[in-house]
């Protein structure tokens, strides 16, 4: 199995910054897309940002210009640098990776446990 360990959340004031990390481990054959979702109470789950194995990047319009996604393929790790945070960014953030454990089986989605990010004064 492949496990995703996410970390880096916490409480910050508006305008502050946080950096989230998510490392994949286990029987990894390949990893394609990696990304970050968030889910706030009363709202639908939202794809915040994603990055492909080749470096193609997507950002939700609500975070474009403030968040930066990156990955280190050698470490099987994806990062999310969050700057200029505002209260609307408050949510539980989940990392995600499309992984395969062998050349026989197709890709499946693996998820982190979730990180609480709270932006409040």
N, C-alpha and C. Protein backbone atom coordinates (compact mmCIF):
# COMPACT_ATOMS: atom_id res chain seq x y z
N UNK A 1 0.83 -1.18 0.00
CA UNK A 1 0.00 0.00 0.00
C UNK A 1 0.87 1.24 0.00
N UNK A 2 0.28 2.34 -0.44
CA UNK A 2 0.94 3.63 -0.44
C UNK A 2 0.28 4.50 0.61
N UNK A 3 1.09 5.12 1.44
CA UNK A 3 0.59 6.02 2.47
C UNK A 3 1.06 7.45 2.18
N UNK A 4 0.20 8.40 2.47
CA UNK A 4 0.53 9.81 2.34
C UNK A 4 0.51 10.43 3.73
N UNK A 5 1.62 11.03 4.11
CA UNK A 5 1.75 11.69 5.40
C UNK A 5 1.81 13.19 5.17
N UNK A 6 0.80 13.90 5.64
CA UNK A 6 0.72 15.34 5.44
C UNK A 6 0.98 16.07 6.75
N UNK A 7 1.54 17.27 6.64
CA UNK A 7 1.90 18.03 7.82
C UNK A 7 2.02 19.50 7.45
N UNK A 8 2.07 20.36 8.48
CA UNK A 8 2.34 21.77 8.27
C UNK A 8 1.22 22.74 8.56
N UNK A 9 0.07 22.25 9.00
CA UNK A 9 -1.05 23.14 9.27
C UNK A 9 -0.90 23.87 10.59
N UNK A 10 -1.93 24.64 10.92
CA UNK A 10 -1.91 25.36 12.17
C UNK A 10 -2.79 26.60 12.13
N UNK A 11 -2.60 27.45 13.12
CA UNK A 11 -3.35 28.70 13.26
C UNK A 11 -2.45 29.86 12.89
N UNK A 12 -2.91 30.70 11.98
CA UNK A 12 -2.16 31.88 11.56
C UNK A 12 -3.09 33.07 11.47
N UNK A 13 -2.51 34.26 11.56
CA UNK A 13 -3.28 35.48 11.40
C UNK A 13 -3.47 35.80 9.92
N UNK A 14 -4.52 36.56 9.60
CA UNK A 14 -4.68 36.99 8.21
C UNK A 14 -3.42 37.66 7.69
N UNK A 15 -3.07 37.31 6.46
CA UNK A 15 -1.85 37.82 5.87
C UNK A 15 -0.63 36.96 6.11
N UNK A 16 -0.77 35.96 6.96
CA UNK A 16 0.33 35.09 7.29
C UNK A 16 0.55 34.01 6.25
N UNK A 17 1.51 33.14 6.55
CA UNK A 17 1.91 32.09 5.62
C UNK A 17 2.02 30.74 6.32
N UNK A 18 1.79 29.69 5.58
CA UNK A 18 2.01 28.33 6.02
C UNK A 18 2.55 27.53 4.85
N UNK A 19 3.29 26.48 5.17
CA UNK A 19 3.79 25.57 4.15
C UNK A 19 3.37 24.16 4.51
N UNK A 20 2.60 23.53 3.64
CA UNK A 20 2.15 22.17 3.83
C UNK A 20 3.05 21.21 3.07
N UNK A 21 3.28 20.05 3.65
CA UNK A 21 4.08 19.02 3.01
C UNK A 21 3.32 17.71 3.03
N UNK A 22 3.55 16.88 2.02
CA UNK A 22 2.92 15.58 1.93
C UNK A 22 3.89 14.62 1.27
N UNK A 23 4.28 13.59 2.00
CA UNK A 23 5.23 12.61 1.50
C UNK A 23 4.56 11.26 1.31
N UNK A 24 4.76 10.67 0.16
CA UNK A 24 4.24 9.35 -0.14
C UNK A 24 5.29 8.29 0.15
N UNK A 25 4.84 7.19 0.71
CA UNK A 25 5.75 6.09 1.01
C UNK A 25 5.03 4.76 0.81
N UNK A 26 5.80 3.69 0.73
CA UNK A 26 5.25 2.37 0.53
C UNK A 26 5.70 1.77 -0.78
N UNK A 27 4.91 0.84 -1.28
CA UNK A 27 5.24 0.13 -2.52
C UNK A 27 4.81 0.96 -3.72
N UNK A 28 5.62 1.95 -4.04
CA UNK A 28 5.30 2.90 -5.10
C UNK A 28 5.95 2.46 -6.41
N UNK A 29 5.13 2.22 -7.41
CA UNK A 29 5.63 1.96 -8.74
C UNK A 29 5.75 3.26 -9.54
N UNK A 30 4.73 4.08 -9.44
CA UNK A 30 4.75 5.37 -10.11
C UNK A 30 3.74 6.30 -9.46
N UNK A 31 3.98 7.59 -9.60
CA UNK A 31 3.06 8.62 -9.15
C UNK A 31 2.87 9.61 -10.28
N UNK A 32 1.64 9.84 -10.65
CA UNK A 32 1.36 10.83 -11.67
C UNK A 32 1.02 12.17 -11.01
N UNK A 33 -0.24 12.57 -11.02
CA UNK A 33 -0.60 13.84 -10.43
C UNK A 33 -0.54 13.80 -8.91
N UNK A 34 -0.14 14.92 -8.32
CA UNK A 34 -0.22 15.14 -6.89
C UNK A 34 -0.90 16.49 -6.68
N UNK A 35 -1.64 16.60 -5.59
CA UNK A 35 -2.34 17.86 -5.38
C UNK A 35 -2.87 18.02 -3.98
N UNK A 36 -3.55 19.14 -3.79
CA UNK A 36 -4.14 19.50 -2.52
C UNK A 36 -5.59 19.87 -2.70
N UNK A 37 -6.45 19.28 -1.87
CA UNK A 37 -7.84 19.64 -1.77
C UNK A 37 -8.09 20.29 -0.42
N UNK A 38 -9.19 21.00 -0.31
CA UNK A 38 -9.60 21.50 0.99
C UNK A 38 -11.11 21.38 1.13
N UNK A 39 -11.54 21.23 2.37
CA UNK A 39 -12.95 21.07 2.67
C UNK A 39 -13.28 21.89 3.91
N UNK A 40 -14.07 22.91 3.73
CA UNK A 40 -14.52 23.76 4.82
C UNK A 40 -15.96 23.41 5.17
N UNK A 41 -16.35 23.57 6.45
CA UNK A 41 -17.74 23.28 6.84
C UNK A 41 -18.73 24.08 6.01
N UNK A 42 -19.74 23.39 5.50
CA UNK A 42 -20.77 24.04 4.71
C UNK A 42 -20.40 24.28 3.27
N UNK A 43 -19.21 23.86 2.87
CA UNK A 43 -18.77 24.05 1.50
C UNK A 43 -18.39 22.72 0.88
N UNK A 44 -18.40 22.68 -0.43
CA UNK A 44 -17.98 21.49 -1.15
C UNK A 44 -16.47 21.36 -1.14
N UNK A 45 -16.00 20.12 -1.26
CA UNK A 45 -14.57 19.90 -1.38
C UNK A 45 -14.06 20.58 -2.64
N UNK A 46 -12.92 21.22 -2.53
CA UNK A 46 -12.37 22.02 -3.60
C UNK A 46 -10.95 21.60 -3.92
N UNK A 47 -10.66 21.43 -5.19
CA UNK A 47 -9.28 21.22 -5.61
C UNK A 47 -8.56 22.56 -5.56
N UNK A 48 -7.54 22.64 -4.72
CA UNK A 48 -6.80 23.88 -4.53
C UNK A 48 -5.71 24.03 -5.58
N UNK A 49 -4.92 22.98 -5.75
CA UNK A 49 -3.81 23.01 -6.68
C UNK A 49 -3.38 21.59 -6.99
N UNK A 50 -2.83 21.39 -8.17
CA UNK A 50 -2.29 20.09 -8.54
C UNK A 50 -1.07 20.29 -9.41
N UNK A 51 -0.24 19.26 -9.45
CA UNK A 51 0.96 19.30 -10.26
C UNK A 51 1.21 17.90 -10.81
N UNK A 52 1.44 17.80 -12.09
CA UNK A 52 1.69 16.52 -12.72
C UNK A 52 3.14 16.11 -12.56
N UNK A 53 3.43 14.87 -12.93
CA UNK A 53 4.80 14.40 -12.85
C UNK A 53 5.72 15.19 -13.77
N UNK A 54 5.16 15.76 -14.83
CA UNK A 54 5.94 16.57 -15.74
C UNK A 54 5.99 18.04 -15.39
N UNK A 55 5.30 18.44 -14.32
CA UNK A 55 5.36 19.82 -13.87
C UNK A 55 4.21 20.71 -14.29
N UNK A 56 3.19 20.16 -14.94
CA UNK A 56 2.03 20.95 -15.29
C UNK A 56 1.23 21.28 -14.04
N UNK A 57 0.89 22.55 -13.85
CA UNK A 57 0.31 23.04 -12.61
C UNK A 57 -1.08 23.62 -12.84
N UNK A 58 -1.96 23.35 -11.90
CA UNK A 58 -3.29 23.94 -11.87
C UNK A 58 -3.51 24.61 -10.53
N UNK A 59 -4.14 25.79 -10.53
CA UNK A 59 -4.55 26.47 -9.31
C UNK A 59 -6.02 26.84 -9.41
N UNK A 60 -6.72 26.68 -8.30
CA UNK A 60 -8.05 27.25 -8.21
C UNK A 60 -7.95 28.76 -8.29
N UNK A 61 -8.94 29.39 -8.92
CA UNK A 61 -8.88 30.83 -9.10
C UNK A 61 -8.81 31.56 -7.77
N UNK A 62 -9.38 30.97 -6.73
CA UNK A 62 -9.41 31.63 -5.43
C UNK A 62 -8.04 31.72 -4.77
N UNK A 63 -7.09 30.91 -5.21
CA UNK A 63 -5.76 30.91 -4.58
C UNK A 63 -4.66 31.32 -5.54
N UNK A 64 -4.98 31.51 -6.78
CA UNK A 64 -3.97 31.86 -7.77
C UNK A 64 -3.29 33.18 -7.39
N UNK A 65 -1.98 33.17 -7.42
CA UNK A 65 -1.20 34.34 -7.04
C UNK A 65 -0.82 34.36 -5.58
N UNK A 66 -1.43 33.52 -4.77
CA UNK A 66 -1.13 33.47 -3.34
C UNK A 66 -0.49 32.14 -2.92
N UNK A 67 -0.89 31.06 -3.57
CA UNK A 67 -0.38 29.73 -3.22
C UNK A 67 0.58 29.25 -4.31
N UNK A 68 1.54 28.43 -3.91
CA UNK A 68 2.48 27.85 -4.84
C UNK A 68 2.63 26.36 -4.55
N UNK A 69 2.37 25.53 -5.55
CA UNK A 69 2.54 24.10 -5.41
C UNK A 69 3.84 23.67 -6.07
N UNK A 70 4.51 22.71 -5.46
CA UNK A 70 5.74 22.18 -6.02
C UNK A 70 5.89 20.73 -5.59
N UNK A 71 6.80 20.01 -6.22
CA UNK A 71 7.02 18.62 -5.85
C UNK A 71 8.48 18.26 -6.02
N UNK A 72 8.89 17.30 -5.23
CA UNK A 72 10.23 16.73 -5.31
C UNK A 72 10.04 15.26 -5.63
N UNK A 73 10.23 14.90 -6.88
CA UNK A 73 9.98 13.52 -7.30
C UNK A 73 10.92 12.52 -6.64
N UNK A 74 12.14 12.95 -6.36
CA UNK A 74 13.09 12.06 -5.70
C UNK A 74 12.63 11.68 -4.30
N UNK A 75 11.88 12.59 -3.66
CA UNK A 75 11.38 12.35 -2.31
C UNK A 75 9.91 11.97 -2.28
N UNK A 76 9.27 11.88 -3.45
CA UNK A 76 7.84 11.58 -3.54
C UNK A 76 7.03 12.52 -2.65
N UNK A 77 7.36 13.78 -2.70
CA UNK A 77 6.77 14.77 -1.81
C UNK A 77 6.20 15.94 -2.60
N UNK A 78 5.03 16.40 -2.18
CA UNK A 78 4.41 17.58 -2.75
C UNK A 78 4.27 18.63 -1.66
N UNK A 79 4.45 19.90 -2.02
CA UNK A 79 4.38 21.00 -1.09
C UNK A 79 3.33 22.01 -1.53
N UNK A 80 2.81 22.73 -0.57
CA UNK A 80 1.92 23.84 -0.86
C UNK A 80 2.33 25.02 0.01
N UNK A 81 2.94 26.01 -0.62
CA UNK A 81 3.29 27.25 0.06
C UNK A 81 2.11 28.19 -0.02
N UNK A 82 1.59 28.59 1.14
CA UNK A 82 0.40 29.43 1.20
C UNK A 82 0.78 30.78 1.79
N UNK A 83 0.65 31.82 1.00
CA UNK A 83 0.95 33.18 1.42
C UNK A 83 -0.32 34.02 1.38
N UNK A 84 -0.27 35.16 2.05
CA UNK A 84 -1.40 36.08 2.08
C UNK A 84 -2.69 35.38 2.45
N UNK A 85 -2.64 34.58 3.48
CA UNK A 85 -3.80 33.81 3.89
C UNK A 85 -4.91 34.71 4.41
N UNK A 86 -6.14 34.33 4.14
CA UNK A 86 -7.30 35.05 4.64
C UNK A 86 -8.26 34.05 5.29
N UNK A 87 -9.23 34.54 6.05
CA UNK A 87 -10.13 33.62 6.76
C UNK A 87 -10.87 32.65 5.84
N UNK A 88 -11.08 33.01 4.59
CA UNK A 88 -11.75 32.12 3.66
C UNK A 88 -10.90 30.89 3.31
N UNK A 89 -9.63 30.92 3.65
CA UNK A 89 -8.76 29.77 3.43
C UNK A 89 -8.88 28.74 4.55
N UNK A 90 -9.60 29.06 5.60
CA UNK A 90 -9.77 28.13 6.71
C UNK A 90 -10.48 26.87 6.24
N UNK A 91 -9.85 25.73 6.45
CA UNK A 91 -10.40 24.45 6.00
C UNK A 91 -9.47 23.33 6.45
N UNK A 92 -9.94 22.11 6.24
CA UNK A 92 -9.06 20.96 6.36
C UNK A 92 -8.48 20.69 4.98
N UNK A 93 -7.17 20.62 4.90
CA UNK A 93 -6.48 20.41 3.65
C UNK A 93 -6.03 18.97 3.53
N UNK A 94 -6.30 18.36 2.39
CA UNK A 94 -5.96 16.97 2.13
C UNK A 94 -5.03 16.88 0.94
N UNK A 95 -3.92 16.17 1.08
CA UNK A 95 -3.10 15.92 -0.07
C UNK A 95 -3.59 14.67 -0.78
N UNK A 96 -3.30 14.60 -2.05
CA UNK A 96 -3.77 13.53 -2.90
C UNK A 96 -2.69 13.16 -3.90
N UNK A 97 -2.61 11.88 -4.22
CA UNK A 97 -1.68 11.43 -5.24
C UNK A 97 -2.30 10.31 -6.05
N UNK A 98 -2.10 10.36 -7.34
CA UNK A 98 -2.50 9.27 -8.23
C UNK A 98 -1.32 8.32 -8.32
N UNK A 99 -1.50 7.11 -7.76
CA UNK A 99 -0.37 6.20 -7.60
C UNK A 99 -0.68 4.84 -8.22
N UNK A 100 0.37 4.13 -8.56
CA UNK A 100 0.30 2.74 -8.99
C UNK A 100 1.33 1.96 -8.20
N UNK A 101 0.96 0.75 -7.79
CA UNK A 101 1.86 -0.10 -7.02
C UNK A 101 2.54 -1.16 -7.86
N UNK A 102 2.14 -1.30 -9.11
CA UNK A 102 2.78 -2.22 -10.03
C UNK A 102 2.48 -1.79 -11.46
N UNK A 103 3.13 -2.43 -12.42
CA UNK A 103 2.87 -2.13 -13.82
C UNK A 103 1.59 -2.78 -14.31
N UNK A 104 1.03 -3.70 -13.52
CA UNK A 104 -0.18 -4.43 -13.91
C UNK A 104 -1.43 -3.63 -13.57
N UNK A 105 -1.46 -3.08 -12.37
CA UNK A 105 -2.64 -2.37 -11.90
C UNK A 105 -2.60 -0.90 -12.30
N UNK A 106 -3.78 -0.35 -12.49
CA UNK A 106 -3.89 1.05 -12.86
C UNK A 106 -3.70 1.98 -11.68
N UNK A 107 -3.75 3.25 -11.98
CA UNK A 107 -3.59 4.26 -10.95
C UNK A 107 -4.83 4.34 -10.06
N UNK A 108 -4.62 4.67 -8.81
CA UNK A 108 -5.71 4.94 -7.89
C UNK A 108 -5.34 6.13 -7.03
N UNK A 109 -6.34 6.71 -6.41
CA UNK A 109 -6.14 7.90 -5.60
C UNK A 109 -5.80 7.53 -4.17
N UNK A 110 -4.72 8.07 -3.68
CA UNK A 110 -4.33 7.92 -2.29
C UNK A 110 -4.46 9.28 -1.60
N UNK A 111 -4.92 9.27 -0.35
CA UNK A 111 -5.23 10.51 0.36
C UNK A 111 -4.50 10.60 1.69
N UNK A 112 -4.10 11.80 2.04
CA UNK A 112 -3.59 12.06 3.37
C UNK A 112 -4.73 12.14 4.37
N UNK A 113 -4.38 12.24 5.65
CA UNK A 113 -5.39 12.25 6.70
C UNK A 113 -6.05 13.60 6.89
N UNK A 114 -5.46 14.65 6.40
CA UNK A 114 -6.03 15.97 6.51
C UNK A 114 -5.31 16.84 7.52
N UNK A 115 -5.16 18.11 7.19
CA UNK A 115 -4.48 19.08 8.04
C UNK A 115 -5.40 20.27 8.25
N UNK A 116 -5.60 20.65 9.50
CA UNK A 116 -6.42 21.82 9.81
C UNK A 116 -5.61 23.09 9.60
N UNK A 117 -6.13 23.98 8.78
CA UNK A 117 -5.57 25.31 8.59
C UNK A 117 -6.62 26.31 9.03
N UNK A 118 -6.28 27.12 10.02
CA UNK A 118 -7.20 28.12 10.53
C UNK A 118 -6.56 29.50 10.42
N UNK A 119 -7.25 30.41 9.76
CA UNK A 119 -6.78 31.77 9.58
C UNK A 119 -7.72 32.69 10.35
N UNK A 120 -7.22 33.27 11.42
CA UNK A 120 -8.06 34.09 12.29
C UNK A 120 -7.20 35.06 13.07
N UNK A 121 -7.76 36.23 13.35
CA UNK A 121 -7.09 37.20 14.18
C UNK A 121 -7.48 37.06 15.64
